[in-house]
Amino acid sequence: MTAGKGIMHSEFNREDEETTLFQI
């Protein structure tokens, strides 16, 4: 995601299990 001059977003785990991730 290029936030640039501004962005609004959401991030959801819509799965039936835990999600693991790296956010960089």
mmCIF file of all heavy atoms, coordinates in Angstrom:
data_MODEL
# 
_entry.id   MODEL 
# 
loop_
_atom_site.group_PDB 
_atom_site.id 
_atom_site.type_symbol 
_atom_site.label_atom_id 
_atom_site.label_alt_id 
_atom_site.label_comp_id 
_atom_site.label_asym_id 
_atom_site.label_entity_id 
_atom_site.label_seq_id 
_atom_site.pdbx_PDB_ins_code 
_atom_site.Cartn_x 
_atom_site.Cartn_y 
_atom_site.Cartn_z 
_atom_site.occupancy 
_atom_site.B_iso_or_equiv 
_atom_site.pdbx_formal_charge 
_atom_site.auth_seq_id 
_atom_site.auth_comp_id 
_atom_site.auth_asym_id 
_atom_site.auth_atom_id 
_atom_site.pdbx_PDB_model_num 
ATOM 1   N N   . MET A 1 1  ? 0.850   -1.180  0.000  1.00 0.00 ? 1  MET A N   1 
ATOM 2   C CA  . MET A 1 1  ? 0.000   0.000   0.000  1.00 0.00 ? 1  MET A CA  1 
ATOM 3   C C   . MET A 1 1  ? 0.891   1.237   0.000  1.00 0.00 ? 1  MET A C   1 
ATOM 4   O O   . MET A 1 1  ? 1.729   1.399   0.894  1.00 0.00 ? 1  MET A O   1 
ATOM 5   C CB  . MET A 1 1  ? -0.927  0.026   1.211  1.00 0.00 ? 1  MET A CB  1 
ATOM 6   C CG  . MET A 1 1  ? -1.909  1.183   1.198  1.00 0.00 ? 1  MET A CG  1 
ATOM 7   S SD  . MET A 1 1  ? -3.118  1.076   2.549  1.00 0.00 ? 1  MET A SD  1 
ATOM 8   C CE  . MET A 1 1  ? -2.055  1.471   3.951  1.00 0.00 ? 1  MET A CE  1 
ATOM 9   N N   . THR A 1 2  ? 0.731   2.077   -1.012 1.00 0.00 ? 2  THR A N   1 
ATOM 10  C CA  . THR A 1 2  ? 1.375   3.380   -1.042 1.00 0.00 ? 2  THR A CA  1 
ATOM 11  C C   . THR A 1 2  ? 0.421   4.373   -0.394 1.00 0.00 ? 2  THR A C   1 
ATOM 12  O O   . THR A 1 2  ? -0.629  4.692   -0.962 1.00 0.00 ? 2  THR A O   1 
ATOM 13  C CB  . THR A 1 2  ? 1.700   3.801   -2.487 1.00 0.00 ? 2  THR A CB  1 
ATOM 14  O OG1 . THR A 1 2  ? 2.697   2.913   -3.021 1.00 0.00 ? 2  THR A OG1 1 
ATOM 15  C CG2 . THR A 1 2  ? 2.219   5.233   -2.539 1.00 0.00 ? 2  THR A CG2 1 
ATOM 16  N N   . ALA A 1 3  ? 0.770   4.825   0.811  1.00 0.00 ? 3  ALA A N   1 
ATOM 17  C CA  . ALA A 1 3  ? -0.120  5.732   1.523  1.00 0.00 ? 3  ALA A CA  1 
ATOM 18  C C   . ALA A 1 3  ? -0.123  7.119   0.887  1.00 0.00 ? 3  ALA A C   1 
ATOM 19  O O   . ALA A 1 3  ? -1.153  7.795   0.851  1.00 0.00 ? 3  ALA A O   1 
ATOM 20  C CB  . ALA A 1 3  ? 0.283   5.816   2.989  1.00 0.00 ? 3  ALA A CB  1 
ATOM 21  N N   . GLY A 1 4  ? 1.054   7.536   0.386  1.00 0.00 ? 4  GLY A N   1 
ATOM 22  C CA  . GLY A 1 4  ? 1.143   8.796   -0.343 1.00 0.00 ? 4  GLY A CA  1 
ATOM 23  C C   . GLY A 1 4  ? 0.536   9.961   0.410  1.00 0.00 ? 4  GLY A C   1 
ATOM 24  O O   . GLY A 1 4  ? 0.756   10.147  1.610  1.00 0.00 ? 4  GLY A O   1 
ATOM 25  N N   . LYS A 1 5  ? -0.267  10.756  -0.273 1.00 0.00 ? 5  LYS A N   1 
ATOM 26  C CA  . LYS A 1 5  ? -0.847  11.961  0.326  1.00 0.00 ? 5  LYS A CA  1 
ATOM 27  C C   . LYS A 1 5  ? -2.020  11.660  1.255  1.00 0.00 ? 5  LYS A C   1 
ATOM 28  O O   . LYS A 1 5  ? -2.584  12.586  1.857  1.00 0.00 ? 5  LYS A O   1 
ATOM 29  C CB  . LYS A 1 5  ? -1.282  12.935  -0.761 1.00 0.00 ? 5  LYS A CB  1 
ATOM 30  C CG  . LYS A 1 5  ? -2.341  12.405  -1.706 1.00 0.00 ? 5  LYS A CG  1 
ATOM 31  C CD  . LYS A 1 5  ? -2.596  13.400  -2.838 1.00 0.00 ? 5  LYS A CD  1 
ATOM 32  C CE  . LYS A 1 5  ? -3.632  12.874  -3.827 1.00 0.00 ? 5  LYS A CE  1 
ATOM 33  N NZ  . LYS A 1 5  ? -3.836  13.832  -4.940 1.00 0.00 ? 5  LYS A NZ  1 
ATOM 34  N N   . GLY A 1 6  ? -2.334  10.363  1.413  1.00 0.00 ? 6  GLY A N   1 
ATOM 35  C CA  . GLY A 1 6  ? -3.334  9.976   2.396  1.00 0.00 ? 6  GLY A CA  1 
ATOM 36  C C   . GLY A 1 6  ? -4.250  8.874   1.924  1.00 0.00 ? 6  GLY A C   1 
ATOM 37  O O   . GLY A 1 6  ? -4.775  8.926   0.814  1.00 0.00 ? 6  GLY A O   1 
ATOM 38  N N   . ILE A 1 7  ? -4.406  7.843   2.766  1.00 0.00 ? 7  ILE A N   1 
ATOM 39  C CA  . ILE A 1 7  ? -5.306  6.746   2.447  1.00 0.00 ? 7  ILE A CA  1 
ATOM 40  C C   . ILE A 1 7  ? -5.960  6.256   3.730  1.00 0.00 ? 7  ILE A C   1 
ATOM 41  O O   . ILE A 1 7  ? -5.335  6.237   4.798  1.00 0.00 ? 7  ILE A O   1 
ATOM 42  C CB  . ILE A 1 7  ? -4.557  5.595   1.727  1.00 0.00 ? 7  ILE A CB  1 
ATOM 43  C CG1 . ILE A 1 7  ? -5.542  4.585   1.119  1.00 0.00 ? 7  ILE A CG1 1 
ATOM 44  C CG2 . ILE A 1 7  ? -3.560  4.909   2.649  1.00 0.00 ? 7  ILE A CG2 1 
ATOM 45  C CD1 . ILE A 1 7  ? -4.892  3.599   0.158  1.00 0.00 ? 7  ILE A CD1 1 
ATOM 46  N N   . MET A 1 8  ? -7.233  5.883   3.633  1.00 0.00 ? 8  MET A N   1 
ATOM 47  C CA  . MET A 1 8  ? -7.972  5.292   4.740  1.00 0.00 ? 8  MET A CA  1 
ATOM 48  C C   . MET A 1 8  ? -8.236  3.827   4.390  1.00 0.00 ? 8  MET A C   1 
ATOM 49  O O   . MET A 1 8  ? -8.712  3.523   3.286  1.00 0.00 ? 8  MET A O   1 
ATOM 50  C CB  . MET A 1 8  ? -9.306  6.017   4.949  1.00 0.00 ? 8  MET A CB  1 
ATOM 51  C CG  . MET A 1 8  ? -9.175  7.492   5.276  1.00 0.00 ? 8  MET A CG  1 
ATOM 52  S SD  . MET A 1 8  ? -8.479  7.791   6.919  1.00 0.00 ? 8  MET A SD  1 
ATOM 53  C CE  . MET A 1 8  ? -9.790  7.148   7.978  1.00 0.00 ? 8  MET A CE  1 
ATOM 54  N N   . HIS A 1 9  ? -7.924  2.926   5.318  1.00 0.00 ? 9  HIS A N   1 
ATOM 55  C CA  . HIS A 1 9  ? -8.135  1.504   5.011  1.00 0.00 ? 9  HIS A CA  1 
ATOM 56  C C   . HIS A 1 9  ? -8.430  0.722   6.282  1.00 0.00 ? 9  HIS A C   1 
ATOM 57  O O   . HIS A 1 9  ? -8.201  1.187   7.399  1.00 0.00 ? 9  HIS A O   1 
ATOM 58  C CB  . HIS A 1 9  ? -6.914  0.924   4.278  1.00 0.00 ? 9  HIS A CB  1 
ATOM 59  C CG  . HIS A 1 9  ? -5.785  0.552   5.189  1.00 0.00 ? 9  HIS A CG  1 
ATOM 60  N ND1 . HIS A 1 9  ? -5.154  -0.673  5.144  1.00 0.00 ? 9  HIS A ND1 1 
ATOM 61  C CD2 . HIS A 1 9  ? -5.169  1.243   6.176  1.00 0.00 ? 9  HIS A CD2 1 
ATOM 62  C CE1 . HIS A 1 9  ? -4.191  -0.726  6.040  1.00 0.00 ? 9  HIS A CE1 1 
ATOM 63  N NE2 . HIS A 1 9  ? -4.170  0.414   6.688  1.00 0.00 ? 9  HIS A NE2 1 
ATOM 64  N N   . SER A 1 10 ? -8.925  -0.485  6.087  1.00 0.00 ? 10 SER A N   1 
ATOM 65  C CA  . SER A 1 10 ? -9.106  -1.450  7.167  1.00 0.00 ? 10 SER A CA  1 
ATOM 66  C C   . SER A 1 10 ? -8.466  -2.763  6.738  1.00 0.00 ? 10 SER A C   1 
ATOM 67  O O   . SER A 1 10 ? -8.325  -3.040  5.539  1.00 0.00 ? 10 SER A O   1 
ATOM 68  C CB  . SER A 1 10 ? -10.589 -1.665  7.472  1.00 0.00 ? 10 SER A CB  1 
ATOM 69  O OG  . SER A 1 10 ? -11.262 -2.206  6.345  1.00 0.00 ? 10 SER A OG  1 
ATOM 70  N N   . GLU A 1 11 ? -8.064  -3.560  7.729  1.00 0.00 ? 11 GLU A N   1 
ATOM 71  C CA  . GLU A 1 11 ? -7.503  -4.889  7.475  1.00 0.00 ? 11 GLU A CA  1 
ATOM 72  C C   . GLU A 1 11 ? -8.117  -5.858  8.474  1.00 0.00 ? 11 GLU A C   1 
ATOM 73  O O   . GLU A 1 11 ? -7.967  -5.671  9.684  1.00 0.00 ? 11 GLU A O   1 
ATOM 74  C CB  . GLU A 1 11 ? -5.984  -4.874  7.622  1.00 0.00 ? 11 GLU A CB  1 
ATOM 75  C CG  . GLU A 1 11 ? -5.254  -4.196  6.485  1.00 0.00 ? 11 GLU A CG  1 
ATOM 76  C CD  . GLU A 1 11 ? -3.750  -4.280  6.651  1.00 0.00 ? 11 GLU A CD  1 
ATOM 77  O OE1 . GLU A 1 11 ? -3.244  -3.801  7.673  1.00 0.00 ? 11 GLU A OE1 1 
ATOM 78  O OE2 . GLU A 1 11 ? -3.087  -4.830  5.749  1.00 0.00 ? 11 GLU A OE2 1 
ATOM 79  N N   . PHE A 1 12 ? -8.779  -6.899  7.950  1.00 0.00 ? 12 PHE A N   1 
ATOM 80  C CA  . PHE A 1 12 ? -9.462  -7.849  8.825  1.00 0.00 ? 12 PHE A CA  1 
ATOM 81  C C   . PHE A 1 12 ? -9.077  -9.284  8.479  1.00 0.00 ? 12 PHE A C   1 
ATOM 82  O O   . PHE A 1 12 ? -8.879  -9.636  7.322  1.00 0.00 ? 12 PHE A O   1 
ATOM 83  C CB  . PHE A 1 12 ? -10.986 -7.691  8.707  1.00 0.00 ? 12 PHE A CB  1 
ATOM 84  C CG  . PHE A 1 12 ? -11.543 -6.658  9.640  1.00 0.00 ? 12 PHE A CG  1 
ATOM 85  C CD1 . PHE A 1 12 ? -11.592 -5.327  9.269  1.00 0.00 ? 12 PHE A CD1 1 
ATOM 86  C CD2 . PHE A 1 12 ? -11.997 -7.023  10.902 1.00 0.00 ? 12 PHE A CD2 1 
ATOM 87  C CE1 . PHE A 1 12 ? -12.096 -4.371  10.135 1.00 0.00 ? 12 PHE A CE1 1 
ATOM 88  C CE2 . PHE A 1 12 ? -12.505 -6.071  11.774 1.00 0.00 ? 12 PHE A CE2 1 
ATOM 89  C CZ  . PHE A 1 12 ? -12.558 -4.743  11.390 1.00 0.00 ? 12 PHE A CZ  1 
ATOM 90  N N   . ASN A 1 13 ? -8.994  -10.081 9.533  1.00 0.00 ? 13 ASN A N   1 
ATOM 91  C CA  . ASN A 1 13 ? -8.868  -11.526 9.384  1.00 0.00 ? 13 ASN A CA  1 
ATOM 92  C C   . ASN A 1 13 ? -10.280 -12.094 9.344  1.00 0.00 ? 13 ASN A C   1 
ATOM 93  O O   . ASN A 1 13 ? -10.924 -12.261 10.388 1.00 0.00 ? 13 ASN A O   1 
ATOM 94  C CB  . ASN A 1 13 ? -8.076  -12.104 10.553 1.00 0.00 ? 13 ASN A CB  1 
ATOM 95  C CG  . ASN A 1 13 ? -8.052  -13.620 10.535 1.00 0.00 ? 13 ASN A CG  1 
ATOM 96  O OD1 . ASN A 1 13 ? -8.440  -14.245 9.547  1.00 0.00 ? 13 ASN A OD1 1 
ATOM 97  N ND2 . ASN A 1 13 ? -7.610  -14.212 11.618 1.00 0.00 ? 13 ASN A ND2 1 
ATOM 98  N N   . ARG A 1 14 ? -10.768 -12.370 8.157  1.00 0.00 ? 14 ARG A N   1 
ATOM 99  C CA  . ARG A 1 14 ? -12.121 -12.899 7.998  1.00 0.00 ? 14 ARG A CA  1 
ATOM 100 C C   . ARG A 1 14 ? -12.121 -14.427 7.924  1.00 0.00 ? 14 ARG A C   1 
ATOM 101 O O   . ARG A 1 14 ? -13.119 -15.038 7.517  1.00 0.00 ? 14 ARG A O   1 
ATOM 102 C CB  . ARG A 1 14 ? -12.773 -12.287 6.762  1.00 0.00 ? 14 ARG A CB  1 
ATOM 103 C CG  . ARG A 1 14 ? -12.822 -10.754 6.818  1.00 0.00 ? 14 ARG A CG  1 
ATOM 104 C CD  . ARG A 1 14 ? -13.785 -10.169 5.817  1.00 0.00 ? 14 ARG A CD  1 
ATOM 105 N NE  . ARG A 1 14 ? -13.789 -8.714  5.850  1.00 0.00 ? 14 ARG A NE  1 
ATOM 106 C CZ  . ARG A 1 14 ? -14.421 -7.962  6.748  1.00 0.00 ? 14 ARG A CZ  1 
ATOM 107 N NH1 . ARG A 1 14 ? -15.082 -8.556  7.718  1.00 0.00 ? 14 ARG A NH1 1 
ATOM 108 N NH2 . ARG A 1 14 ? -14.368 -6.642  6.689  1.00 0.00 ? 14 ARG A NH2 1 
ATOM 109 N N   . GLU A 1 15 ? -11.013 -15.033 8.334  1.00 0.00 ? 15 GLU A N   1 
ATOM 110 C CA  . GLU A 1 15 ? -10.883 -16.487 8.285  1.00 0.00 ? 15 GLU A CA  1 
ATOM 111 C C   . GLU A 1 15 ? -11.417 -17.111 9.579  1.00 0.00 ? 15 GLU A C   1 
ATOM 112 O O   . GLU A 1 15 ? -11.744 -16.418 10.548 1.00 0.00 ? 15 GLU A O   1 
ATOM 113 C CB  . GLU A 1 15 ? -9.424  -16.875 8.080  1.00 0.00 ? 15 GLU A CB  1 
ATOM 114 C CG  . GLU A 1 15 ? -8.721  -16.109 6.968  1.00 0.00 ? 15 GLU A CG  1 
ATOM 115 C CD  . GLU A 1 15 ? -9.421  -16.196 5.631  1.00 0.00 ? 15 GLU A CD  1 
ATOM 116 O OE1 . GLU A 1 15 ? -9.712  -17.328 5.192  1.00 0.00 ? 15 GLU A OE1 1 
ATOM 117 O OE2 . GLU A 1 15 ? -9.691  -15.145 5.030  1.00 0.00 ? 15 GLU A OE2 1 
ATOM 118 N N   . ASP A 1 16 ? -11.457 -18.441 9.590  1.00 0.00 ? 16 ASP A N   1 
ATOM 119 C CA  . ASP A 1 16 ? -11.874 -19.187 10.787 1.00 0.00 ? 16 ASP A CA  1 
ATOM 120 C C   . ASP A 1 16 ? -10.682 -19.592 11.645 1.00 0.00 ? 16 ASP A C   1 
ATOM 121 O O   . ASP A 1 16 ? -10.832 -20.383 12.579 1.00 0.00 ? 16 ASP A O   1 
ATOM 122 C CB  . ASP A 1 16 ? -12.655 -20.449 10.374 1.00 0.00 ? 16 ASP A CB  1 
ATOM 123 C CG  . ASP A 1 16 ? -13.963 -20.116 9.680  1.00 0.00 ? 16 ASP A CG  1 
ATOM 124 O OD1 . ASP A 1 16 ? -14.562 -19.071 10.025 1.00 0.00 ? 16 ASP A OD1 1 
ATOM 125 O OD2 . ASP A 1 16 ? -14.370 -20.881 8.789  1.00 0.00 ? 16 ASP A OD2 1 
ATOM 126 N N   . GLU A 1 17 ? -9.511  -19.055 11.319 1.00 0.00 ? 17 GLU A N   1 
ATOM 127 C CA  . GLU A 1 17 ? -8.292  -19.381 12.046 1.00 0.00 ? 17 GLU A CA  1 
ATOM 128 C C   . GLU A 1 17 ? -7.467  -18.117 12.248 1.00 0.00 ? 17 GLU A C   1 
ATOM 129 O O   . GLU A 1 17 ? -7.703  -17.095 11.611 1.00 0.00 ? 17 GLU A O   1 
ATOM 130 C CB  . GLU A 1 17 ? -7.460  -20.410 11.259 1.00 0.00 ? 17 GLU A CB  1 
ATOM 131 C CG  . GLU A 1 17 ? -7.042  -19.896 9.886  1.00 0.00 ? 17 GLU A CG  1 
ATOM 132 C CD  . GLU A 1 17 ? -6.220  -20.896 9.098  1.00 0.00 ? 17 GLU A CD  1 
ATOM 133 O OE1 . GLU A 1 17 ? -5.771  -21.891 9.686  1.00 0.00 ? 17 GLU A OE1 1 
ATOM 134 O OE2 . GLU A 1 17 ? -6.016  -20.657 7.903  1.00 0.00 ? 17 GLU A OE2 1 
ATOM 135 N N   . GLU A 1 18 ? -6.512  -18.204 13.134 1.00 0.00 ? 18 GLU A N   1 
ATOM 136 C CA  . GLU A 1 18 ? -5.604  -17.092 13.367 1.00 0.00 ? 18 GLU A CA  1 
ATOM 137 C C   . GLU A 1 18 ? -4.800  -16.779 12.106 1.00 0.00 ? 18 GLU A C   1 
ATOM 138 O O   . GLU A 1 18 ? -4.440  -17.682 11.346 1.00 0.00 ? 18 GLU A O   1 
ATOM 139 C CB  . GLU A 1 18 ? -4.647  -17.471 14.504 1.00 0.00 ? 18 GLU A CB  1 
ATOM 140 C CG  . GLU A 1 18 ? -3.610  -16.423 14.860 1.00 0.00 ? 18 GLU A CG  1 
ATOM 141 C CD  . GLU A 1 18 ? -2.690  -16.898 15.955 1.00 0.00 ? 18 GLU A CD  1 
ATOM 142 O OE1 . GLU A 1 18 ? -1.812  -17.747 15.665 1.00 0.00 ? 18 GLU A OE1 1 
ATOM 143 O OE2 . GLU A 1 18 ? -2.845  -16.444 17.109 1.00 0.00 ? 18 GLU A OE2 1 
ATOM 144 N N   . THR A 1 19 ? -4.543  -15.503 11.869 1.00 0.00 ? 19 THR A N   1 
ATOM 145 C CA  . THR A 1 19 ? -3.660  -15.069 10.786 1.00 0.00 ? 19 THR A CA  1 
ATOM 146 C C   . THR A 1 19 ? -2.379  -14.510 11.388 1.00 0.00 ? 19 THR A C   1 
ATOM 147 O O   . THR A 1 19 ? -2.422  -13.757 12.368 1.00 0.00 ? 19 THR A O   1 
ATOM 148 C CB  . THR A 1 19 ? -4.348  -14.006 9.911  1.00 0.00 ? 19 THR A CB  1 
ATOM 149 O OG1 . THR A 1 19 ? -5.352  -14.627 9.120  1.00 0.00 ? 19 THR A OG1 1 
ATOM 150 C CG2 . THR A 1 19 ? -3.354  -13.329 8.978  1.00 0.00 ? 19 THR A CG2 1 
ATOM 151 N N   . THR A 1 20 ? -1.239  -14.882 10.815 1.00 0.00 ? 20 THR A N   1 
ATOM 152 C CA  . THR A 1 20 ? 0.031   -14.299 11.234 1.00 0.00 ? 20 THR A CA  1 
ATOM 153 C C   . THR A 1 20 ? 0.653   -13.602 10.034 1.00 0.00 ? 20 THR A C   1 
ATOM 154 O O   . THR A 1 20 ? 0.565   -14.085 8.894  1.00 0.00 ? 20 THR A O   1 
ATOM 155 C CB  . THR A 1 20 ? 0.998   -15.365 11.784 1.00 0.00 ? 20 THR A CB  1 
ATOM 156 O OG1 . THR A 1 20 ? 1.349   -16.288 10.744 1.00 0.00 ? 20 THR A OG1 1 
ATOM 157 C CG2 . THR A 1 20 ? 0.366   -16.123 12.942 1.00 0.00 ? 20 THR A CG2 1 
ATOM 158 N N   . LEU A 1 21 ? 1.276   -12.460 10.297 1.00 0.00 ? 21 LEU A N   1 
ATOM 159 C CA  . LEU A 1 21 ? 1.862   -11.691 9.201  1.00 0.00 ? 21 LEU A CA  1 
ATOM 160 C C   . LEU A 1 21 ? 2.962   -10.782 9.714  1.00 0.00 ? 21 LEU A C   1 
ATOM 161 O O   . LEU A 1 21 ? 3.072   -10.509 10.914 1.00 0.00 ? 21 LEU A O   1 
ATOM 162 C CB  . LEU A 1 21 ? 0.777   -10.877 8.478  1.00 0.00 ? 21 LEU A CB  1 
ATOM 163 C CG  . LEU A 1 21 ? -0.108  -9.928  9.295  1.00 0.00 ? 21 LEU A CG  1 
ATOM 164 C CD1 . LEU A 1 21 ? 0.578   -8.586  9.560  1.00 0.00 ? 21 LEU A CD1 1 
ATOM 165 C CD2 . LEU A 1 21 ? -1.439  -9.693  8.579  1.00 0.00 ? 21 LEU A CD2 1 
ATOM 166 N N   . PHE A 1 22 ? 3.789   -10.335 8.773  1.00 0.00 ? 22 PHE A N   1 
ATOM 167 C CA  . PHE A 1 22 ? 4.726   -9.244  9.013  1.00 0.00 ? 22 PHE A CA  1 
ATOM 168 C C   . PHE A 1 22 ? 4.179   -8.000  8.326  1.00 0.00 ? 22 PHE A C   1 
ATOM 169 O O   . PHE A 1 22 ? 3.762   -8.070  7.164  1.00 0.00 ? 22 PHE A O   1 
ATOM 170 C CB  . PHE A 1 22 ? 6.105   -9.539  8.425  1.00 0.00 ? 22 PHE A CB  1 
ATOM 171 C CG  . PHE A 1 22 ? 6.861   -10.646 9.097  1.00 0.00 ? 22 PHE A CG  1 
ATOM 172 C CD1 . PHE A 1 22 ? 7.504   -11.620 8.339  1.00 0.00 ? 22 PHE A CD1 1 
ATOM 173 C CD2 . PHE A 1 22 ? 6.952   -10.723 10.478 1.00 0.00 ? 22 PHE A CD2 1 
ATOM 174 C CE1 . PHE A 1 22 ? 8.222   -12.632 8.946  1.00 0.00 ? 22 PHE A CE1 1 
ATOM 175 C CE2 . PHE A 1 22 ? 7.666   -11.746 11.091 1.00 0.00 ? 22 PHE A CE2 1 
ATOM 176 C CZ  . PHE A 1 22 ? 8.300   -12.699 10.329 1.00 0.00 ? 22 PHE A CZ  1 
ATOM 177 N N   . GLN A 1 23 ? 4.169   -6.877  9.043  1.00 0.00 ? 23 GLN A N   1 
ATOM 178 C CA  . GLN A 1 23 ? 3.855   -5.608  8.401  1.00 0.00 ? 23 GLN A CA  1 
ATOM 179 C C   . GLN A 1 23 ? 5.107   -4.734  8.459  1.00 0.00 ? 23 GLN A C   1 
ATOM 180 O O   . GLN A 1 23 ? 5.675   -4.511  9.530  1.00 0.00 ? 23 GLN A O   1 
ATOM 181 C CB  . GLN A 1 23 ? 2.673   -4.903  9.055  1.00 0.00 ? 23 GLN A CB  1 
ATOM 182 C CG  . GLN A 1 23 ? 2.200   -3.724  8.221  1.00 0.00 ? 23 GLN A CG  1 
ATOM 183 C CD  . GLN A 1 23 ? 0.874   -3.156  8.681  1.00 0.00 ? 23 GLN A CD  1 
ATOM 184 O OE1 . GLN A 1 23 ? 0.860   -2.178  9.409  1.00 0.00 ? 23 GLN A OE1 1 
ATOM 185 N NE2 . GLN A 1 23 ? -0.222  -3.764  8.250  1.00 0.00 ? 23 GLN A NE2 1 
ATOM 186 N N   . ILE A 1 24 ? 5.519   -4.260  7.287  1.00 0.00 ? 24 ILE A N   1 
ATOM 187 C CA  . ILE A 1 24 ? 6.818   -3.612  7.100  1.00 0.00 ? 24 ILE A CA  1 
ATOM 188 C C   . ILE A 1 24 ? 6.585   -2.229  6.504  1.00 0.00 ? 24 ILE A C   1 
ATOM 189 O O   . ILE A 1 24 ? 5.940   -2.112  5.457  1.00 0.00 ? 24 ILE A O   1 
ATOM 190 C CB  . ILE A 1 24 ? 7.688   -4.490  6.171  1.00 0.00 ? 24 ILE A CB  1 
ATOM 191 C CG1 . ILE A 1 24 ? 7.909   -5.868  6.799  1.00 0.00 ? 24 ILE A CG1 1 
ATOM 192 C CG2 . ILE A 1 24 ? 9.010   -3.802  5.847  1.00 0.00 ? 24 ILE A CG2 1 
ATOM 193 C CD1 . ILE A 1 24 ? 8.299   -6.949  5.820  1.00 0.00 ? 24 ILE A CD1 1 
# 
